[in-house]
Each structure stands twice: as structure tokens, then as C-alpha cells.
Protein backbone atom coordinates (compact mmCIF):
# COMPACT_ATOMS: atom_id res chain seq x y z
CA UNK A 1 -0.45 -0.05 0.22
CA UNK A 2 1.55 3.39 -0.84
CA UNK A 3 1.49 6.10 1.09
CA UNK A 4 1.30 4.09 4.01
CA UNK A 5 3.11 1.24 6.43
CA UNK A 6 0.77 -1.09 7.15
CA UNK A 7 1.00 -5.13 8.34
CA UNK A 8 -1.27 -8.10 8.65
CA UNK A 9 -1.02 -10.88 10.27
CA UNK A 10 -2.81 -13.92 9.47
CA UNK A 11 -3.18 -17.76 10.14
CA UNK A 12 -1.96 -20.19 8.52
CA UNK A 13 -4.81 -23.07 8.38
CA UNK A 14 -7.59 -20.63 7.74
CA UNK A 15 -5.78 -18.18 5.56
CA UNK A 16 -7.79 -14.85 7.25
CA UNK A 17 -6.39 -12.08 8.61
CA UNK A 18 -5.55 -12.69 12.35
CA UNK A 19 -4.47 -9.02 13.02
CA UNK A 20 -3.61 -6.06 11.31
CA UNK A 21 -1.10 -2.94 12.00
CA UNK A 22 -1.39 0.41 10.00
CA UNK A 23 0.73 3.82 9.91
CA UNK A 24 -1.02 7.23 9.23
CA UNK A 25 -1.03 7.57 4.77
CA UNK A 26 2.23 9.60 4.43
CA UNK A 27 3.36 8.93 7.81
CA UNK A 28 7.08 7.86 8.81
CA UNK A 29 7.00 4.24 6.88
CA UNK A 30 5.72 4.32 3.60
CA UNK A 31 5.67 0.94 2.22
CA UNK A 32 6.23 -1.84 4.31
CA UNK A 33 7.41 -4.81 2.12
CA UNK A 34 7.91 -8.59 4.14
CA UNK A 35 8.90 -9.41 7.29
CA UNK A 36 9.79 -12.31 9.55
CA UNK A 37 8.82 -13.37 12.55
CA UNK A 38 11.72 -14.64 15.22
CA UNK A 39 12.19 -14.79 19.00
CA UNK A 40 8.51 -13.03 19.14
CA UNK A 41 9.52 -10.12 16.73
CA UNK A 42 8.64 -9.37 13.33
CA UNK A 43 11.45 -7.99 11.14
CA UNK A 44 10.01 -5.85 8.28
CA UNK A 45 11.84 -4.70 5.54
CA UNK A 46 10.08 -0.31 4.86
CA UNK A 47 11.17 1.57 1.88
CA UNK A 48 10.06 5.40 0.57
CA UNK A 49 9.06 3.79 -2.56
CA UNK A 50 8.12 5.45 -5.02
CA UNK A 51 10.25 8.36 -3.71
CA UNK A 52 14.27 9.21 -4.59
CA UNK A 53 16.62 9.61 -3.02
CA UNK A 54 15.63 5.75 -2.52
CA UNK A 55 15.83 5.08 1.69
CA UNK A 56 15.04 2.01 3.70
CA UNK A 57 14.95 0.88 7.26
CA UNK A 58 14.21 -2.63 9.31
CA UNK A 59 11.14 -1.74 11.08
CA UNK A 60 10.53 -4.48 14.26
CA UNK A 61 7.18 -5.26 16.37
CA UNK A 62 6.16 -7.45 18.85
CA UNK A 63 4.52 -10.38 16.82
CA UNK A 64 1.47 -10.49 19.30
CA UNK A 65 -0.21 -7.51 19.85
CA UNK A 66 2.24 -5.84 16.27
CA UNK A 67 3.35 -2.44 18.05
CA UNK A 68 5.83 -1.13 16.87
CA UNK A 69 9.16 -2.30 19.22
CA UNK A 70 12.40 -0.73 17.49
CA UNK A 71 13.48 1.10 14.21
CA UNK A 72 17.32 0.43 12.44
CA UNK A 73 17.29 3.27 9.38
CA UNK A 74 19.41 2.31 6.78
CA UNK A 75 19.74 5.33 5.28
CA UNK A 76 20.36 6.09 1.61
CA UNK A 77 20.80 3.03 -0.63
CA UNK A 78 21.25 3.72 -4.82
CA UNK A 79 20.68 -0.29 -5.05
CA UNK A 80 18.44 -1.02 -2.48
CA UNK A 81 19.82 -4.18 -1.13
CA UNK A 82 19.11 -5.71 2.27
CA UNK A 83 21.53 -8.31 1.83
CA UNK A 84 23.62 -7.36 5.70
CA UNK A 85 25.30 -9.03 8.88
CA UNK A 86 23.96 -8.74 12.69
CA UNK A 87 26.49 -5.68 12.57
CA UNK A 88 24.49 -4.42 9.72
CA UNK A 89 26.77 -3.70 7.69
CA UNK A 90 26.81 -4.43 3.43
CA UNK A 91 28.12 -8.09 2.79
CA UNK A 92 27.49 -8.38 -0.73
CA UNK A 93 25.76 -7.00 -3.84
CA UNK A 94 24.73 -8.71 -7.23
CA UNK A 95 22.85 -7.69 -10.49
CA UNK A 96 19.36 -9.11 -11.80
CA UNK A 97 19.85 -11.03 -14.57
CA UNK A 98 18.27 -8.93 -18.03
CA UNK A 99 16.12 -11.96 -18.36
CA UNK A 100 14.52 -11.47 -14.99
CA UNK A 101 14.15 -8.02 -15.55
CA UNK A 102 12.31 -8.12 -18.46
CA UNK A 103 9.85 -10.50 -17.12
CA UNK A 104 9.84 -8.05 -13.72
CA UNK A 105 9.33 -5.33 -15.98
CA UNK A 106 8.15 -2.37 -15.33
CA UNK A 107 8.56 -2.90 -11.71
CA UNK A 108 11.89 -4.60 -9.33
CA UNK A 109 11.70 -7.66 -7.21
CA UNK A 110 9.64 -7.60 -4.52
CA UNK A 111 9.98 -9.94 -2.05
CA UNK A 112 13.11 -12.60 -1.98
CA UNK A 113 14.39 -15.56 0.27
CA UNK A 114 17.26 -18.16 0.32
CA UNK A 115 15.56 -21.48 -0.48
CA UNK A 116 16.13 -24.93 1.51
CA UNK A 117 18.61 -25.57 -1.38
CA UNK A 118 20.80 -22.46 -0.96
CA UNK A 119 19.48 -20.47 -3.60
CA UNK A 120 17.54 -17.29 -4.12
CA UNK A 121 14.19 -16.99 -4.93
CA UNK A 122 12.77 -13.88 -6.25
CA UNK A 123 9.07 -12.28 -7.34
CA UNK A 124 7.91 -9.75 -8.78
CA UNK A 125 4.95 -7.39 -8.68
CA UNK A 126 2.25 -8.77 -11.13
CA UNK A 127 3.73 -12.56 -12.77
CA UNK A 128 1.68 -15.61 -11.27
CA UNK A 129 5.91 -17.03 -11.12
CA UNK A 130 9.08 -17.08 -8.72
CA UNK A 131 12.30 -16.58 -10.66
CA UNK A 132 15.21 -18.54 -9.19
CA UNK A 133 18.52 -17.42 -9.00
CA UNK A 134 22.63 -18.39 -8.38
CA UNK A 135 25.58 -16.66 -7.22
CA UNK A 136 27.55 -16.23 -10.39
CA UNK A 137 30.95 -18.38 -10.61
CA UNK A 138 33.11 -14.44 -11.09
CA UNK A 139 31.36 -11.12 -12.17
CA UNK A 140 28.57 -9.41 -10.72
CA UNK A 141 25.21 -11.06 -12.45
CA UNK A 142 23.23 -13.12 -10.57
CA UNK A 143 22.57 -16.58 -12.39
CA UNK A 144 19.10 -17.38 -13.74
CA UNK A 145 18.50 -20.91 -12.89
CA UNK A 146 14.63 -20.90 -13.23
CA UNK A 147 11.40 -19.62 -13.74
CA UNK A 148 8.37 -20.83 -11.35
CA UNK A 149 4.90 -21.00 -12.38
CA UNK A 150 2.57 -20.31 -9.46
CA UNK A 151 -0.63 -19.08 -7.92
CA UNK A 152 0.69 -15.94 -6.23
CA UNK A 153 1.19 -12.57 -8.37
CA UNK A 154 4.19 -10.76 -6.31
CA UNK A 155 5.22 -9.29 -3.36
CA UNK A 156 6.68 -10.87 0.12
CA UNK A 157 6.76 -14.50 0.49
CA UNK A 158 7.71 -16.89 3.22
CA UNK A 159 9.32 -20.18 3.49
CA UNK A 160 7.61 -23.05 5.96
CA UNK A 161 10.26 -23.09 9.09
CA UNK A 162 10.16 -27.31 8.75
CA UNK A 163 12.46 -27.22 5.53
CA UNK A 164 10.20 -27.98 2.75
CA UNK A 165 9.64 -26.38 -0.39
CA UNK A 166 6.84 -24.95 0.87
CA UNK A 167 5.58 -20.89 0.89
CA UNK A 168 3.04 -19.11 2.23
CA UNK A 169 1.92 -15.96 -0.16
CA UNK A 170 -0.12 -13.22 0.03
CA UNK A 171 -3.10 -12.85 -2.30
CA UNK A 172 -4.18 -9.25 -1.87
CA UNK A 173 -6.93 -9.27 -3.91
CA UNK A 174 -8.70 -12.06 -1.66
CA UNK A 175 -7.12 -10.93 1.46
CA UNK A 176 -6.05 -14.79 2.12
CA UNK A 177 -3.19 -16.69 2.36
CA UNK A 178 -1.72 -19.09 -0.11
CA UNK A 179 0.38 -22.47 0.62
CA UNK A 180 2.12 -23.52 -2.14
CA UNK A 181 4.81 -26.53 -2.70
CA UNK A 182 7.37 -25.76 -5.08
CA UNK A 183 8.64 -28.41 -7.11
CA UNK A 184 12.41 -28.93 -7.39
CA UNK A 185 14.56 -26.83 -9.60
CA UNK A 186 17.20 -28.97 -12.10
CA UNK A 187 20.16 -26.43 -13.00
CA UNK A 188 20.88 -26.31 -16.76
CA UNK A 189 24.17 -26.12 -15.79
CA UNK A 190 25.42 -26.94 -12.35
CA UNK A 191 28.74 -25.78 -12.47
CA UNK A 192 27.40 -21.75 -12.64
CA UNK A 193 24.99 -22.53 -10.37
CA UNK A 194 26.39 -21.89 -6.80
CA UNK A 195 24.45 -20.87 -4.13
CA UNK A 196 24.36 -18.52 -0.99
CA UNK A 197 25.50 -21.31 1.13
């Protein structure tokens, strides 16, 4: 939602909303993307999309009450990366392959996470497909390993914590959580498909 930071909690079993947090329109948080639940807290990626220069922060909420608990500003980031270590230092950066950018156009990636196989999985904003990319053996551009068709039109997603190939995505139009089992991915050329682990 542009113009207001908002977050929602969904019940996995029913896929229905179970709680919601929403900031004021044109308030301090402009565009929250995905969140990670860990140790009773939600760690959420926030940006000033679609403003420039680009700025980002990590917003932290209590997972039970959805009350805002803390904030960590990342300042201006030309590339929009959230690849940081425990001390909030950038640890790396790569370019998204042209074959993936063409599919996501006119937008960029909306959600991304490393899967159980060690590859990075990306969703755009519109197409019902997920892009699998690998670390390149050399150079700055990720390797496009596969494109997976799925019942999700982009936005954020989360891997199941059991190590399976299950992801949870949000169907914004229907206000539901979808549970999707992703197929195993086999790279065309294993020699150039390095993982992030």
C-alpha cells in the first residue's frame, strides 16, 4: 500500500487475517514489504518507494501485539539492498539478470528469500511466477536458474520453517494466505549455479 505503512497477521490454517497494524497515510513509514518472524518479533523491510533518493529501514514489531518496538535506519541505498550482517554492514551485492528483469518489468523484485537449496527465490509485483537465481562463479550478475509458475501475483512470501519447499504467499485481492509447494529445481548447468550457503 503506497502512502501508508501497513502490516497484517494471517492465520496459516484458514488463510484469513488475524491482526493488523497500519500507520498514518504519508506518515513515517511509507512502504512496508516483507517481514520475518523471529523470537517473538517481526522484522520488516520498509522503504520510501517510489521516492528518490531511495531510503530504507528495518522496522521491528512485537509479534503478539503488533506494537512497534524498534527501528534501524539503513539510510540512502542506491541499489535498495537489504543484504546485511548482524552489525548491519553490507555483505555483498549482485545484479539481477536481464532475463528476470524483463519478466518483472516495469517493476523490480518485491520479495526474495534464500530457499532450502541455497538459491535465491524472487517474486516480482505482477506475474504469477517466481524466479530462481544463483550466485555467479565470477562477475556481478546473478545466474537465472529457473522460472516457476505459481498461484501468486508477486509481493512478499515466506518459506516454511520445516525445511520443506513450502512457501506462503499473500493473495492481496482475496485477502488470503496461499500455501504453495514448489517443485524441485534442477539447473541446466550445475557448474555455474552456486548457492548462497
